[in-house]
Amino acid sequence: MAYKIVASQCTGCSACEPQCPNTAIFEKGGTFAIEPAKCSECIGHFDQPQCVAVCPVDDTCVIDNSVPRYRAA
């Protein structure tokens, strides 16, 4: 599953955007969002999703259960 950013909780701090190894995070209307097709959950890059690790607001970067689990090629 990809991660998503809960827009109502995003402060727009941009801490997550440069940390994403897949450039899946982008700014949208003053907050940030994750392109699910690009999100690999940081598997193969880091032990923990970097958006979760750097976000200053708990439970803002969460698993998007509407997207199938990432599978490495």
N, C-alpha and C. Protein backbone atom coordinates (compact mmCIF):
# COMPACT_ATOMS: atom_id res chain seq x y z
N MET A 1 0.83 -1.17 0.00
CA MET A 1 0.00 0.00 0.00
C MET A 1 0.87 1.23 0.00
N ALA A 2 0.47 2.18 -0.72
CA ALA A 2 1.18 3.45 -0.73
C ALA A 2 0.79 4.23 0.53
N TYR A 3 1.52 5.27 0.78
CA TYR A 3 1.15 6.17 1.86
C TYR A 3 0.38 7.33 1.27
N LYS A 4 -0.37 8.01 2.12
CA LYS A 4 -1.06 9.23 1.73
C LYS A 4 -0.87 10.24 2.85
N ILE A 5 -1.06 11.50 2.51
CA ILE A 5 -0.96 12.57 3.48
C ILE A 5 -2.37 13.08 3.76
N VAL A 6 -2.74 13.11 5.02
CA VAL A 6 -4.05 13.61 5.42
C VAL A 6 -3.99 15.13 5.29
N ALA A 7 -4.63 15.66 4.25
CA ALA A 7 -4.53 17.08 3.92
C ALA A 7 -4.97 17.99 5.07
N SER A 8 -5.98 17.59 5.81
CA SER A 8 -6.48 18.43 6.90
C SER A 8 -5.49 18.54 8.05
N GLN A 9 -4.50 17.65 8.10
CA GLN A 9 -3.49 17.68 9.16
C GLN A 9 -2.16 18.23 8.67
N CYS A 10 -1.97 18.31 7.37
CA CYS A 10 -0.69 18.77 6.80
C CYS A 10 -0.52 20.26 7.06
N THR A 11 0.63 20.62 7.61
CA THR A 11 0.91 22.03 7.91
C THR A 11 1.62 22.73 6.75
N GLY A 12 1.96 21.98 5.72
CA GLY A 12 2.66 22.56 4.57
C GLY A 12 4.12 22.88 4.85
N CYS A 13 4.70 22.21 5.83
CA CYS A 13 6.08 22.52 6.22
C CYS A 13 7.11 22.07 5.18
N SER A 14 6.76 21.14 4.32
CA SER A 14 7.59 20.60 3.24
C SER A 14 8.74 19.71 3.70
N ALA A 15 8.74 19.27 4.94
CA ALA A 15 9.81 18.40 5.43
C ALA A 15 9.86 17.08 4.67
N CYS A 16 8.71 16.60 4.25
CA CYS A 16 8.63 15.28 3.61
C CYS A 16 9.11 15.28 2.16
N GLU A 17 8.83 16.33 1.44
CA GLU A 17 9.07 16.33 -0.01
C GLU A 17 10.51 15.98 -0.40
N PRO A 18 11.52 16.61 0.16
CA PRO A 18 12.89 16.28 -0.26
C PRO A 18 13.38 14.92 0.24
N GLN A 19 12.68 14.32 1.20
CA GLN A 19 13.10 13.04 1.76
C GLN A 19 12.62 11.84 0.97
N CYS A 20 11.64 12.04 0.09
CA CYS A 20 11.06 10.93 -0.65
C CYS A 20 12.02 10.45 -1.74
N PRO A 21 12.46 9.19 -1.69
CA PRO A 21 13.43 8.69 -2.67
C PRO A 21 12.83 8.50 -4.07
N ASN A 22 11.51 8.58 -4.18
CA ASN A 22 10.84 8.35 -5.47
C ASN A 22 10.19 9.60 -6.03
N THR A 23 10.43 10.74 -5.43
CA THR A 23 9.79 12.01 -5.80
C THR A 23 8.28 11.85 -5.95
N ALA A 24 7.67 11.10 -5.04
CA ALA A 24 6.24 10.86 -5.07
C ALA A 24 5.45 11.96 -4.35
N ILE A 25 6.12 12.81 -3.59
CA ILE A 25 5.45 13.84 -2.81
C ILE A 25 5.50 15.16 -3.56
N PHE A 26 4.35 15.82 -3.61
CA PHE A 26 4.27 17.10 -4.32
C PHE A 26 3.35 18.05 -3.56
N GLU A 27 3.53 19.35 -3.81
CA GLU A 27 2.72 20.38 -3.18
C GLU A 27 1.42 20.54 -3.96
N LYS A 28 0.33 20.68 -3.23
CA LYS A 28 -0.98 20.82 -3.85
C LYS A 28 -1.83 21.75 -3.00
N GLY A 29 -2.01 22.96 -3.45
CA GLY A 29 -2.86 23.91 -2.73
C GLY A 29 -2.39 24.27 -1.34
N GLY A 30 -1.09 24.36 -1.13
CA GLY A 30 -0.56 24.75 0.17
C GLY A 30 -0.27 23.60 1.11
N THR A 31 -0.70 22.39 0.74
CA THR A 31 -0.36 21.21 1.52
C THR A 31 0.33 20.23 0.58
N PHE A 32 0.68 19.09 1.09
CA PHE A 32 1.40 18.11 0.28
C PHE A 32 0.57 16.86 0.08
N ALA A 33 0.87 16.15 -1.00
CA ALA A 33 0.16 14.91 -1.33
C ALA A 33 1.18 13.91 -1.86
N ILE A 34 0.77 12.66 -1.93
CA ILE A 34 1.64 11.58 -2.41
C ILE A 34 1.01 10.96 -3.64
N GLU A 35 1.78 10.83 -4.70
CA GLU A 35 1.33 10.14 -5.92
C GLU A 35 1.45 8.65 -5.65
N PRO A 36 0.33 7.94 -5.48
CA PRO A 36 0.38 6.54 -5.08
C PRO A 36 1.16 5.65 -6.04
N ALA A 37 1.12 5.94 -7.32
CA ALA A 37 1.83 5.11 -8.30
C ALA A 37 3.35 5.19 -8.14
N LYS A 38 3.83 6.26 -7.53
CA LYS A 38 5.28 6.43 -7.33
C LYS A 38 5.75 5.98 -5.95
N CYS A 39 4.83 5.84 -5.01
CA CYS A 39 5.19 5.50 -3.63
C CYS A 39 5.56 4.03 -3.49
N SER A 40 6.77 3.78 -3.00
CA SER A 40 7.23 2.41 -2.77
C SER A 40 7.30 2.09 -1.28
N GLU A 41 6.73 3.00 -0.46
CA GLU A 41 6.78 2.85 1.00
C GLU A 41 8.23 2.87 1.49
N CYS A 42 9.14 3.35 0.66
CA CYS A 42 10.58 3.43 0.94
C CYS A 42 11.23 2.06 1.04
N ILE A 43 10.51 1.01 0.61
CA ILE A 43 11.07 -0.34 0.62
C ILE A 43 12.29 -0.37 -0.30
N GLY A 44 13.38 -0.89 0.20
CA GLY A 44 14.61 -0.95 -0.57
C GLY A 44 15.48 0.30 -0.43
N HIS A 45 14.93 1.32 0.22
CA HIS A 45 15.67 2.56 0.43
C HIS A 45 15.96 2.81 1.90
N PHE A 46 14.92 2.65 2.73
CA PHE A 46 15.01 2.95 4.15
C PHE A 46 14.23 1.91 4.95
N ASP A 47 14.51 1.81 6.24
CA ASP A 47 13.79 0.89 7.11
C ASP A 47 12.39 1.39 7.44
N GLN A 48 12.18 2.69 7.34
CA GLN A 48 10.91 3.30 7.68
C GLN A 48 10.55 4.30 6.59
N PRO A 49 9.27 4.44 6.23
CA PRO A 49 8.89 5.46 5.26
C PRO A 49 9.36 6.84 5.74
N GLN A 50 10.06 7.54 4.89
CA GLN A 50 10.66 8.80 5.29
C GLN A 50 9.64 9.90 5.53
N CYS A 51 8.50 9.86 4.83
CA CYS A 51 7.47 10.87 5.09
C CYS A 51 6.98 10.75 6.53
N VAL A 52 6.82 9.52 7.01
CA VAL A 52 6.40 9.28 8.39
C VAL A 52 7.49 9.72 9.36
N ALA A 53 8.73 9.40 9.03
CA ALA A 53 9.85 9.69 9.92
C ALA A 53 10.07 11.18 10.14
N VAL A 54 9.85 12.00 9.11
CA VAL A 54 10.16 13.43 9.23
C VAL A 54 8.96 14.32 9.49
N CYS A 55 7.76 13.81 9.34
CA CYS A 55 6.57 14.64 9.53
C CYS A 55 6.44 15.05 11.00
N PRO A 56 6.30 16.36 11.26
CA PRO A 56 6.20 16.81 12.64
C PRO A 56 4.82 16.59 13.27
N VAL A 57 3.84 16.19 12.46
CA VAL A 57 2.48 15.99 12.97
C VAL A 57 2.15 14.49 12.92
N ASP A 58 1.93 13.91 14.07
CA ASP A 58 1.63 12.47 14.15
C ASP A 58 0.40 12.11 13.31
N ASP A 59 0.46 10.95 12.71
CA ASP A 59 -0.65 10.38 11.95
C ASP A 59 -1.10 11.25 10.77
N THR A 60 -0.16 11.95 10.16
CA THR A 60 -0.46 12.73 8.96
C THR A 60 -0.10 11.93 7.73
N CYS A 61 0.98 11.20 7.75
CA CYS A 61 1.36 10.29 6.67
C CYS A 61 0.92 8.90 7.09
N VAL A 62 -0.08 8.39 6.40
CA VAL A 62 -0.69 7.12 6.79
C VAL A 62 -0.80 6.20 5.58
N ILE A 63 -0.98 4.92 5.84
CA ILE A 63 -1.15 3.94 4.77
C ILE A 63 -2.47 4.19 4.06
N ASP A 64 -2.43 4.18 2.74
CA ASP A 64 -3.62 4.33 1.91
C ASP A 64 -4.12 2.94 1.56
N ASN A 65 -5.11 2.47 2.28
CA ASN A 65 -5.62 1.12 2.07
C ASN A 65 -6.36 0.93 0.75
N SER A 66 -6.61 2.01 0.03
CA SER A 66 -7.30 1.89 -1.26
C SER A 66 -6.34 1.56 -2.40
N VAL A 67 -5.05 1.53 -2.10
CA VAL A 67 -4.02 1.25 -3.10
C VAL A 67 -3.37 -0.09 -2.78
N PRO A 68 -3.16 -0.96 -3.78
CA PRO A 68 -2.52 -2.26 -3.52
C PRO A 68 -1.12 -2.10 -2.93
N ARG A 69 -0.71 -3.08 -2.19
CA ARG A 69 0.63 -3.09 -1.57
C ARG A 69 1.71 -3.02 -2.65
N TYR A 70 2.77 -2.26 -2.37
CA TYR A 70 3.90 -2.11 -3.29
C TYR A 70 4.61 -3.45 -3.44
N ARG A 71 4.99 -3.77 -4.64
CA ARG A 71 5.79 -4.98 -4.91
C ARG A 71 7.02 -4.57 -5.72
N ALA A 72 8.18 -4.89 -5.17
CA ALA A 72 9.44 -4.57 -5.85
C ALA A 72 9.52 -5.34 -7.16
N ALA A 73 10.09 -4.72 -8.16
CA ALA A 73 10.20 -5.36 -9.49
C ALA A 73 11.20 -6.48 -9.49
